Amino acid sequence: MNLGREQTGNAVALPRDAATVLLLRPTASHFEVFMVKRSGLSDVLGEAHVFPGGKIDAADSTPAMLAQTEGIADIKPGALGESLLAEQLAALYIAAARETFEEAGVLLARGVGERDLSAARDRVNAKEGFAPVLAELGIKLDLSSLVPWVRWVTPEFLAKRFDVRFFLAAAPPDQTAVHDNFEATHSEWVAPRSFMARWERNEIKLAPPTYKSLEHLALFDSIEAVLADARSRPAPILMPHSYERDGAREIVLPGDAGHPVKQKAIPGPTRLRWDGARYAPV
């Protein structure tokens, strides 16, 4: 799995702002999360299973885009565990909603119902402006449907870095999630625990933040419990630190003895070791 090129010099690359969304839907026993498989042509996480998401666009914070949203006033300034200007905060939420529409075909907005949104999605994926497409549909994004969960910052030893805000969202029951067949070649709804088992059998590829997210989700019995936990605290920040030990690279998370942040941020093991194919919990 390509996790990004390593640095060849001493300069540290600045991370790019990004957002990703864990769409959740209930099942008879627990719940599932929507995942897509990235194209093998991607230079980051090629052929890995990920949650829908991507980089922030300049258009995500324009007045026209802000006019096509609802719920901005309800966003708490510190909800993402960082100090941001109102426009920057809104842009992260808007990017999360836009990427969910582009990569999963799900529009997080009120009053969509069972409308056919496929043509609108094609237009947005063809790089038409998201704001004018929404305005033509007479739809505004519901930013209150997005709940901040965690923030992952790519380690400094990698040349391509991202500062990714992870959001949770209950999937609208009257919309069908499906991959775009461009950036993603496959999609499915998965039970967190069973998907982790597939990763442990080397059947699929997952980056550490994805695996740790599934591990965290598996602790909850319902969507309501996951959302309640996320709303009870600011989103924790995780930037793994990297070390070479016994000829292999290890990354450590907050709470580990080898990490400068001593307070644990999320449940589960705090140390992962590269085994030649993936970072696995130690």
C-alpha atoms as a PDB file:
ATOM      1  CA  MET A   1       0.000   0.000   0.000  1.00  0.00           C
ATOM      2  CA  ASN A   2       1.380   3.388  -0.971  1.00  0.00           C
ATOM      3  CA  LEU A   3       1.177   5.614   2.084  1.00  0.00           C
ATOM      4  CA  GLY A   4       3.007   8.486   0.411  1.00  0.00           C
ATOM      5  CA  ARG A   5       6.616   9.161  -0.530  1.00  0.00           C
ATOM      6  CA  GLU A   6       9.133   9.529   2.274  1.00  0.00           C
ATOM      7  CA  GLN A   7      11.137  12.721   2.690  1.00  0.00           C
ATOM      8  CA  THR A   8      14.553  12.668   1.045  1.00  0.00           C
ATOM      9  CA  GLY A   9      15.812  15.895   2.647  1.00  0.00           C
ATOM     10  CA  ASN A  10      15.421  17.707   5.941  1.00  0.00           C
ATOM     11  CA  ALA A  11      12.494  19.928   4.930  1.00  0.00           C
ATOM     12  CA  VAL A  12       9.116  19.007   6.403  1.00  0.00           C
ATOM     13  CA  ALA A  13       6.162  19.235   4.032  1.00  0.00           C
ATOM     14  CA  LEU A  14       3.178  21.253   5.195  1.00  0.00           C
ATOM     15  CA  PRO A  15      -0.030  19.192   5.470  1.00  0.00           C
ATOM     16  CA  ARG A  16      -2.974  20.063   3.233  1.00  0.00           C
ATOM     17  CA  ASP A  17      -6.388  20.547   4.801  1.00  0.00           C
ATOM     18  CA  ALA A  18      -8.830  17.733   4.033  1.00  0.00           C
ATOM     19  CA  ALA A  19     -12.068  16.223   5.309  1.00  0.00           C
ATOM     20  CA  THR A  20     -13.580  12.751   5.314  1.00  0.00           C
ATOM     21  CA  VAL A  21     -16.964  11.376   6.354  1.00  0.00           C
ATOM     22  CA  LEU A  22     -17.966   8.130   7.994  1.00  0.00           C
ATOM     23  CA  LEU A  23     -21.497   7.524   6.707  1.00  0.00           C
ATOM     24  CA  LEU A  24     -23.376   5.248   9.103  1.00  0.00           C
ATOM     25  CA  ARG A  25     -26.563   3.253   8.577  1.00  0.00           C
ATOM     26  CA  PRO A  26     -28.410   1.000  11.048  1.00  0.00           C
ATOM     27  CA  THR A  27     -28.735  -2.771  10.683  1.00  0.00           C
ATOM     28  CA  ALA A  28     -30.898  -5.287  12.510  1.00  0.00           C
ATOM     29  CA  SER A  29     -28.176  -5.827  15.120  1.00  0.00           C
ATOM     30  CA  HIS A  30     -25.782  -2.845  15.056  1.00  0.00           C
ATOM     31  CA  PHE A  31     -24.718  -0.537  12.213  1.00  0.00           C
ATOM     32  CA  GLU A  32     -22.507  -0.327   9.128  1.00  0.00           C
ATOM     33  CA  VAL A  33     -20.164   2.275   7.671  1.00  0.00           C
ATOM     34  CA  PHE A  34     -19.789   3.091   3.962  1.00  0.00           C
ATOM     35  CA  MET A  35     -16.363   2.536   2.425  1.00  0.00           C
ATOM     36  CA  VAL A  36     -14.884   2.943  -1.038  1.00  0.00           C
ATOM     37  CA  LYS A  37     -11.842   1.311  -2.621  1.00  0.00           C
ATOM     38  CA  ARG A  38      -9.486   3.824  -4.176  1.00  0.00           C
ATOM     39  CA  SER A  39      -8.287   3.378  -7.726  1.00  0.00           C
ATOM     40  CA  GLY A  40      -4.914   1.732  -8.173  1.00  0.00           C
ATOM     41  CA  LEU A  41      -3.900   4.778 -10.246  1.00  0.00           C
ATOM     42  CA  SER A  42      -3.989   7.008  -7.164  1.00  0.00           C
ATOM     43  CA  ASP A  43      -0.571   8.091  -5.865  1.00  0.00           C
ATOM     44  CA  VAL A  44      -1.892   8.069  -2.282  1.00  0.00           C
ATOM     45  CA  LEU A  45      -3.550   4.991  -0.748  1.00  0.00           C
ATOM     46  CA  GLY A  46      -3.964   3.293  -4.129  1.00  0.00           C
ATOM     47  CA  GLU A  47      -6.252   0.220  -3.875  1.00  0.00           C
ATOM     48  CA  ALA A  48      -6.869   0.890  -0.180  1.00  0.00           C
ATOM     49  CA  HIS A  49     -10.340   1.034   1.351  1.00  0.00           C
ATOM     50  CA  VAL A  50     -11.122   4.484   2.728  1.00  0.00           C
ATOM     51  CA  PHE A  51     -14.029   6.665   3.779  1.00  0.00           C
ATOM     52  CA  PRO A  52     -15.267   9.257   1.236  1.00  0.00           C
ATOM     53  CA  GLY A  53     -13.197  12.424   1.482  1.00  0.00           C
ATOM     54  CA  GLY A  54     -10.664  14.733  -0.065  1.00  0.00           C
ATOM     55  CA  LYS A  55      -8.890  18.087  -0.007  1.00  0.00           C
ATOM     56  CA  ILE A  56     -10.459  21.456   0.768  1.00  0.00           C
ATOM     57  CA  ASP A  57     -11.178  23.580  -2.317  1.00  0.00           C
ATOM     58  CA  ALA A  58     -10.991  27.375  -2.455  1.00  0.00           C
ATOM     59  CA  ALA A  59     -14.638  27.401  -3.571  1.00  0.00           C
ATOM     60  CA  ASP A  60     -15.703  25.745  -0.309  1.00  0.00           C
ATOM     61  CA  SER A  61     -15.554  29.064   1.532  1.00  0.00           C
ATOM     62  CA  THR A  62     -16.980  31.487  -1.049  1.00  0.00           C
ATOM     63  CA  PRO A  63     -20.059  33.600  -0.217  1.00  0.00           C
ATOM     64  CA  ALA A  64     -22.012  31.725  -2.919  1.00  0.00           C
ATOM     65  CA  MET A  65     -21.186  28.394  -1.278  1.00  0.00           C
ATOM     66  CA  LEU A  66     -21.955  29.618   2.222  1.00  0.00           C
ATOM     67  CA  ALA A  67     -25.346  30.809   0.940  1.00  0.00           C
ATOM     68  CA  GLN A  68     -26.185  27.211  -0.004  1.00  0.00           C
ATOM     69  CA  THR A  69     -25.837  25.917   3.550  1.00  0.00           C
ATOM     70  CA  GLU A  70     -27.844  25.654   6.734  1.00  0.00           C
ATOM     71  CA  GLY A  71     -26.614  25.092  10.259  1.00  0.00           C
ATOM     72  CA  ILE A  72     -23.448  27.219  10.183  1.00  0.00           C
ATOM     73  CA  ALA A  73     -24.584  29.150  13.257  1.00  0.00           C
ATOM     74  CA  ASP A  74     -24.914  25.875  15.172  1.00  0.00           C
ATOM     75  CA  ILE A  75     -21.253  24.911  14.704  1.00  0.00           C
ATOM     76  CA  LYS A  76     -19.251  25.448  17.887  1.00  0.00           C
ATOM     77  CA  PRO A  77     -15.939  27.269  17.256  1.00  0.00           C
ATOM     78  CA  GLY A  78     -13.921  24.601  19.095  1.00  0.00           C
ATOM     79  CA  ALA A  79     -15.790  21.575  17.740  1.00  0.00           C
ATOM     80  CA  LEU A  80     -12.798  20.430  15.698  1.00  0.00           C
ATOM     81  CA  GLY A  81     -10.385  20.866  18.593  1.00  0.00           C
ATOM     82  CA  GLU A  82      -8.673  23.859  16.980  1.00  0.00           C
ATOM     83  CA  SER A  83      -9.015  27.616  16.694  1.00  0.00           C
ATOM     84  CA  LEU A  84     -10.267  28.597  13.241  1.00  0.00           C
ATOM     85  CA  LEU A  85     -11.894  31.574  11.585  1.00  0.00           C
ATOM     86  CA  ALA A  86     -15.619  31.102  10.898  1.00  0.00           C
ATOM     87  CA  GLU A  87     -14.984  30.809   7.141  1.00  0.00           C
ATOM     88  CA  GLN A  88     -12.268  28.183   7.637  1.00  0.00           C
ATOM     89  CA  LEU A  89     -14.490  26.156   9.949  1.00  0.00           C
ATOM     90  CA  ALA A  90     -17.424  26.285   7.524  1.00  0.00           C
ATOM     91  CA  ALA A  91     -15.148  25.311   4.617  1.00  0.00           C
ATOM     92  CA  LEU A  92     -14.154  22.074   6.367  1.00  0.00           C
ATOM     93  CA  TYR A  93     -17.786  21.106   6.897  1.00  0.00           C
ATOM     94  CA  ILE A  94     -18.699  22.066   3.331  1.00  0.00           C
ATOM     95  CA  ALA A  95     -15.771  20.082   1.928  1.00  0.00           C
ATOM     96  CA  ALA A  96     -16.895  17.052   3.932  1.00  0.00           C
ATOM     97  CA  ALA A  97     -20.406  17.328   2.494  1.00  0.00           C
ATOM     98  CA  ARG A  98     -19.137  17.977  -1.048  1.00  0.00           C
ATOM     99  CA  GLU A  99     -16.775  14.995  -1.005  1.00  0.00           C
ATOM    100  CA  THR A 100     -19.573  12.776   0.325  1.00  0.00           C
ATOM    101  CA  PHE A 101     -21.678  13.782  -2.673  1.00  0.00           C
ATOM    102  CA  GLU A 102     -18.829  13.414  -5.173  1.00  0.00           C
ATOM    103  CA  GLU A 103     -17.526  10.056  -3.910  1.00  0.00           C
ATOM    104  CA  ALA A 104     -20.629   8.432  -2.408  1.00  0.00           C
ATOM    105  CA  GLY A 105     -23.503  10.140  -4.229  1.00  0.00           C
ATOM    106  CA  VAL A 106     -25.133  11.087  -0.919  1.00  0.00           C
ATOM    107  CA  LEU A 107     -26.232  14.686  -0.393  1.00  0.00           C
ATOM    108  CA  LEU A 108     -26.361  15.729   3.249  1.00  0.00           C
ATOM    109  CA  ALA A 109     -29.268  18.124   2.945  1.00  0.00           C
ATOM    110  CA  ARG A 110     -32.842  18.389   4.114  1.00  0.00           C
ATOM    111  CA  GLY A 111     -35.783  17.745   1.821  1.00  0.00           C
ATOM    112  CA  VAL A 112     -33.903  15.765  -0.794  1.00  0.00           C
ATOM    113  CA  GLY A 113     -36.255  12.791  -0.540  1.00  0.00           C
ATOM    114  CA  GLU A 114     -35.953  10.290  -3.362  1.00  0.00           C
ATOM    115  CA  ARG A 115     -34.947  12.803  -6.023  1.00  0.00           C
ATOM    116  CA  ASP A 116     -32.592  11.540  -8.716  1.00  0.00           C
ATOM    117  CA  LEU A 117     -29.317  13.321  -8.032  1.00  0.00           C
ATOM    118  CA  SER A 118     -27.148  11.386 -10.469  1.00  0.00           C
ATOM    119  CA  ALA A 119     -27.031  14.163 -13.091  1.00  0.00           C
ATOM    120  CA  ALA A 120     -26.137  16.747 -10.453  1.00  0.00           C
ATOM    121  CA  ARG A 121     -23.394  14.504  -9.135  1.00  0.00           C
ATOM    122  CA  ASP A 122     -21.975  14.042 -12.637  1.00  0.00           C
ATOM    123  CA  ARG A 123     -21.873  17.810 -13.078  1.00  0.00           C
ATOM    124  CA  VAL A 124     -20.039  18.343  -9.797  1.00  0.00           C
ATOM    125  CA  ASN A 125     -17.568  15.563 -10.628  1.00  0.00           C
ATOM    126  CA  ALA A 126     -17.038  17.236 -14.007  1.00  0.00           C
ATOM    127  CA  LYS A 127     -15.819  20.283 -12.022  1.00  0.00           C
ATOM    128  CA  GLU A 128     -18.945  22.407 -12.268  1.00  0.00           C
ATOM    129  CA  GLY A 129     -19.369  24.607  -9.228  1.00  0.00           C
ATOM    130  CA  PHE A 130     -21.037  22.880  -6.285  1.00  0.00           C
ATOM    131  CA  ALA A 131     -22.815  26.070  -5.193  1.00  0.00           C
ATOM    132  CA  PRO A 132     -24.582  26.806  -8.513  1.00  0.00           C
ATOM    133  CA  VAL A 133     -25.617  23.169  -8.877  1.00  0.00           C
ATOM    134  CA  LEU A 134     -27.194  23.239  -5.418  1.00  0.00           C
ATOM    135  CA  ALA A 135     -28.838  26.592  -6.147  1.00  0.00           C
ATOM    136  CA  GLU A 136     -30.361  25.203  -9.345  1.00  0.00           C
ATOM    137  CA  LEU A 137     -31.737  22.251  -7.377  1.00  0.00           C
ATOM    138  CA  GLY A 138     -33.095  24.568  -4.688  1.00  0.00           C
ATOM    139  CA  ILE A 139     -31.187  22.606  -2.018  1.00  0.00           C
ATOM    140  CA  LYS A 140     -29.046  23.747   0.906  1.00  0.00           C
ATOM    141  CA  LEU A 141     -26.500  21.572   2.685  1.00  0.00           C
ATOM    142  CA  ASP A 142     -27.370  20.649   6.257  1.00  0.00           C
ATOM    143  CA  LEU A 143     -24.058  21.157   8.037  1.00  0.00           C
ATOM    144  CA  SER A 144     -25.597  20.184  11.369  1.00  0.00           C
ATOM    145  CA  SER A 145     -25.774  16.593  10.072  1.00  0.00           C
ATOM    146  CA  LEU A 146     -21.970  16.389  10.315  1.00  0.00           C
ATOM    147  CA  VAL A 147     -20.482  15.571  13.726  1.00  0.00           C
ATOM    148  CA  PRO A 148     -16.701  16.078  14.226  1.00  0.00           C
ATOM    149  CA  TRP A 149     -15.036  12.912  15.473  1.00  0.00           C
ATOM    150  CA  VAL A 150     -11.239  12.972  15.210  1.00  0.00           C
ATOM    151  CA  ARG A 151      -8.426  14.758  13.389  1.00  0.00           C
ATOM    152  CA  TRP A 152      -5.445  12.923  11.862  1.00  0.00           C
ATOM    153  CA  VAL A 153      -2.283  14.714  10.718  1.00  0.00           C
ATOM    154  CA  THR A 154       0.111  12.783   8.453  1.00  0.00           C
ATOM    155  CA  PRO A 155       3.531  12.107  10.082  1.00  0.00           C
ATOM    156  CA  GLU A 156       6.323  14.540   9.258  1.00  0.00           C
ATOM    157  CA  PHE A 157       8.548  11.920   7.604  1.00  0.00           C
ATOM    158  CA  LEU A 158       6.213  11.676   4.600  1.00  0.00           C
ATOM    159  CA  ALA A 159       6.524  14.019   1.633  1.00  0.00           C
ATOM    160  CA  LYS A 160       2.782  14.164   0.919  1.00  0.00           C
ATOM    161  CA  ARG A 161       0.915  15.175   4.058  1.00  0.00           C
ATOM    162  CA  PHE A 162      -2.694  15.903   4.987  1.00  0.00           C
ATOM    163  CA  ASP A 163      -4.506  17.367   7.972  1.00  0.00           C
ATOM    164  CA  VAL A 164      -7.745  15.382   7.816  1.00  0.00           C
ATOM    165  CA  ARG A 165     -10.833  16.127   9.880  1.00  0.00           C
ATOM    166  CA  PHE A 166     -13.005  13.040  10.300  1.00  0.00           C
ATOM    167  CA  PHE A 167     -16.763  13.565  10.560  1.00  0.00           C
ATOM    168  CA  LEU A 168     -19.624  11.202  11.380  1.00  0.00           C
ATOM    169  CA  ALA A 169     -23.000  11.390   9.645  1.00  0.00           C
ATOM    170  CA  ALA A 170     -26.126   9.256   9.694  1.00  0.00           C
ATOM    171  CA  ALA A 171     -26.842   8.254   6.094  1.00  0.00           C
ATOM    172  CA  PRO A 172     -30.142   9.609   4.725  1.00  0.00           C
ATOM    173  CA  PRO A 173     -32.417   6.531   4.512  1.00  0.00           C
ATOM    174  CA  ASP A 174     -33.919   7.544   1.152  1.00  0.00           C
ATOM    175  CA  GLN A 175     -30.604   7.944  -0.696  1.00  0.00           C
ATOM    176  CA  THR A 176     -28.397   5.207  -2.130  1.00  0.00           C
ATOM    177  CA  ALA A 177     -24.638   5.411  -1.623  1.00  0.00           C
ATOM    178  CA  VAL A 178     -22.485   4.290  -4.558  1.00  0.00           C
ATOM    179  CA  HIS A 179     -18.872   4.998  -5.583  1.00  0.00           C
ATOM    180  CA  ASP A 180     -18.004   7.352  -8.461  1.00  0.00           C
ATOM    181  CA  ASN A 181     -16.193   4.667 -10.533  1.00  0.00           C
ATOM    182  CA  PHE A 182     -13.341   7.091 -11.111  1.00  0.00           C
ATOM    183  CA  GLU A 183     -11.414   7.894  -7.936  1.00  0.00           C
ATOM    184  CA  ALA A 184     -13.020   4.802  -6.406  1.00  0.00           C
ATOM    185  CA  THR A 185     -13.576   1.483  -8.160  1.00  0.00           C
ATOM    186  CA  HIS A 186     -15.675  -0.330  -5.555  1.00  0.00           C
ATOM    187  CA  SER A 187     -17.860   0.473  -2.558  1.00  0.00           C
ATOM    188  CA  GLU A 188     -19.706  -1.387   0.169  1.00  0.00           C
ATOM    189  CA  TRP A 189     -21.381  -1.055   3.519  1.00  0.00           C
ATOM    190  CA  VAL A 190     -19.362  -2.893   6.150  1.00  0.00           C
ATOM    191  CA  ALA A 191     -19.676  -3.889   9.786  1.00  0.00           C
ATOM    192  CA  PRO A 192     -16.571  -2.426  11.485  1.00  0.00           C
ATOM    193  CA  ARG A 193     -15.558  -5.576  13.345  1.00  0.00           C
ATOM    194  CA  SER A 194     -15.937  -7.922  10.356  1.00  0.00           C
ATOM    195  CA  PHE A 195     -14.016  -5.531   8.082  1.00  0.00           C
ATOM    196  CA  MET A 196     -11.179  -5.388  10.601  1.00  0.00           C
ATOM    197  CA  ALA A 197     -11.064  -9.196  10.480  1.00  0.00           C
ATOM    198  CA  ARG A 198     -10.668  -9.052   6.688  1.00  0.00           C
ATOM    199  CA  TRP A 199      -7.757  -6.645   7.126  1.00  0.00           C
ATOM    200  CA  GLU A 200      -6.151  -8.947   9.702  1.00  0.00           C
ATOM    201  CA  ARG A 201      -6.353 -11.763   7.120  1.00  0.00           C
ATOM    202  CA  ASN A 202      -4.579  -9.505   4.568  1.00  0.00           C
ATOM    203  CA  GLU A 203      -7.627  -9.517   2.277  1.00  0.00           C
ATOM    204  CA  ILE A 204      -7.859  -5.717   2.092  1.00  0.00           C
ATOM    205  CA  LYS A 205      -5.637  -2.661   2.550  1.00  0.00           C
ATOM    206  CA  LEU A 206      -6.253  -0.023   5.209  1.00  0.00           C
ATOM    207  CA  ALA A 207      -4.185   2.978   6.266  1.00  0.00           C
ATOM    208  CA  PRO A 208      -3.622   3.340  10.027  1.00  0.00           C
ATOM    209  CA  PRO A 209      -6.254   6.104  10.510  1.00  0.00           C
ATOM    210  CA  THR A 210      -8.840   3.953   8.711  1.00  0.00           C
ATOM    211  CA  TYR A 211      -8.040   0.844  10.735  1.00  0.00           C
ATOM    212  CA  LYS A 212      -8.054   2.814  13.993  1.00  0.00           C
ATOM    213  CA  SER A 213     -11.390   4.394  13.041  1.00  0.00           C
ATOM    214  CA  LEU A 214     -12.954   0.981  12.451  1.00  0.00           C
ATOM    215  CA  GLU A 215     -11.466  -0.246  15.729  1.00  0.00           C
ATOM    216  CA  HIS A 216     -13.043   2.721  17.517  1.00  0.00           C
ATOM    217  CA  LEU A 217     -16.433   2.272  15.816  1.00  0.00           C
ATOM    218  CA  ALA A 218     -16.489  -1.390  16.818  1.00  0.00           C
ATOM    219  CA  LEU A 219     -16.776  -0.365  20.479  1.00  0.00           C
ATOM    220  CA  PHE A 220     -20.304   0.992  19.956  1.00  0.00           C
ATOM    221  CA  ASP A 221     -23.586  -0.854  19.553  1.00  0.00           C
ATOM    222  CA  SER A 222     -25.579   1.865  17.787  1.00  0.00           C
ATOM    223  CA  ILE A 223     -25.252   4.979  15.655  1.00  0.00           C
ATOM    224  CA  GLU A 224     -26.829   6.988  18.470  1.00  0.00           C
ATOM    225  CA  ALA A 225     -24.084   5.881  20.867  1.00  0.00           C
ATOM    226  CA  VAL A 226     -21.319   6.810  18.401  1.00  0.00           C
ATOM    227  CA  LEU A 227     -22.784  10.259  17.753  1.00  0.00           C
ATOM    228  CA  ALA A 228     -23.384  10.894  21.455  1.00  0.00           C
ATOM    229  CA  ASP A 229     -19.754  10.072  22.223  1.00  0.00           C
ATOM    230  CA  ALA A 230     -18.522  12.380  19.442  1.00  0.00           C
ATOM    231  CA  ARG A 231     -20.737  15.249  20.625  1.00  0.00           C
ATOM    232  CA  SER A 232     -19.522  14.887  24.205  1.00  0.00           C
ATOM    233  CA  ARG A 233     -15.983  16.154  23.497  1.00  0.00           C
ATOM    234  CA  PRO A 234     -13.859  18.168  21.071  1.00  0.00           C
ATOM    235  CA  ALA A 235     -12.311  16.107  18.282  1.00  0.00           C
ATOM    236  CA  PRO A 236      -8.939  14.730  19.480  1.00  0.00           C
ATOM    237  CA  ILE A 237      -5.839  15.412  17.382  1.00  0.00           C
ATOM    238  CA  LEU A 238      -3.540  12.568  16.379  1.00  0.00           C
ATOM    239  CA  MET A 239      -0.220  13.067  14.642  1.00  0.00           C
ATOM    240  CA  PRO A 240       1.757   9.810  14.701  1.00  0.00           C
ATOM    241  CA  HIS A 241       5.461   9.993  15.495  1.00  0.00           C
ATOM    242  CA  SER A 242       7.814   7.638  13.694  1.00  0.00           C
ATOM    243  CA  TYR A 243      10.836   5.647  14.860  1.00  0.00           C
ATOM    244  CA  GLU A 244      13.135   2.979  13.492  1.00  0.00           C
ATOM    245  CA  ARG A 245      13.399  -0.004  15.843  1.00  0.00           C
ATOM    246  CA  ASP A 246      15.098  -3.328  15.117  1.00  0.00           C
ATOM    247  CA  GLY A 247      15.222  -2.532  11.402  1.00  0.00           C
ATOM    248  CA  ALA A 248      11.527  -1.689  11.025  1.00  0.00           C
ATOM    249  CA  ARG A 249       9.569   1.542  11.204  1.00  0.00           C
ATOM    250  CA  GLU A 250       7.083   2.030  14.012  1.00  0.00           C
ATOM    251  CA  ILE A 251       4.552   4.800  14.477  1.00  0.00           C
ATOM    252  CA  VAL A 252       3.260   5.775  17.896  1.00  0.00           C
ATOM    253  CA  LEU A 253       0.111   7.655  18.851  1.00  0.00           C
ATOM    254  CA  PRO A 254      -0.710   9.989  21.750  1.00  0.00           C
ATOM    255  CA  GLY A 255      -0.634   8.083  25.018  1.00  0.00           C
ATOM    256  CA  ASP A 256       2.324   5.924  23.999  1.00  0.00           C
ATOM    257  CA  ALA A 257       5.567   6.174  25.977  1.00  0.00           C
ATOM    258  CA  GLY A 258       7.359   7.181  22.776  1.00  0.00           C
ATOM    259  CA  HIS A 259       4.960  10.017  21.888  1.00  0.00           C
ATOM    260  CA  PRO A 260       5.382  13.566  23.234  1.00  0.00           C
ATOM    261  CA  VAL A 261       1.638  13.771  24.002  1.00  0.00           C
ATOM    262  CA  LYS A 262       1.102  11.556  27.015  1.00  0.00           C
ATOM    263  CA  GLN A 263      -2.695  11.652  27.161  1.00  0.00           C
ATOM    264  CA  LYS A 264      -4.333   8.894  25.128  1.00  0.00           C
ATOM    265  CA  ALA A 265      -6.604  10.279  22.409  1.00  0.00           C
ATOM    266  CA  ILE A 266      -8.530   7.235  21.164  1.00  0.00           C
ATOM    267  CA  PRO A 267      -9.022   3.651  22.382  1.00  0.00           C
ATOM    268  CA  GLY A 268      -6.851   0.715  21.353  1.00  0.00           C
ATOM    269  CA  PRO A 269      -3.107   0.105  20.871  1.00  0.00           C
ATOM    270  CA  THR A 270      -0.916   3.200  20.590  1.00  0.00           C
ATOM    271  CA  ARG A 271       1.961   1.578  18.662  1.00  0.00           C
ATOM    272  CA  LEU A 272       1.930   0.173  15.119  1.00  0.00           C
ATOM    273  CA  ARG A 273       4.812  -1.561  13.325  1.00  0.00           C
ATOM    274  CA  TRP A 274       5.490  -1.876   9.590  1.00  0.00           C
ATOM    275  CA  ASP A 275       5.578  -5.590   8.695  1.00  0.00           C
ATOM    276  CA  GLY A 276       6.471  -5.097   5.040  1.00  0.00           C
ATOM    277  CA  ALA A 277       2.908  -4.641   3.844  1.00  0.00           C
ATOM    278  CA  ARG A 278       1.068  -2.625   6.488  1.00  0.00           C
ATOM    279  CA  TYR A 279       1.239  -0.993   9.891  1.00  0.00           C
ATOM    280  CA  ALA A 280      -0.103  -3.527  12.373  1.00  0.00           C
ATOM    281  CA  PRO A 281      -0.779  -2.972  16.096  1.00  0.00           C
ATOM    282  CA  VAL A 282       2.045  -4.054  18.354  1.00  0.00           C
END
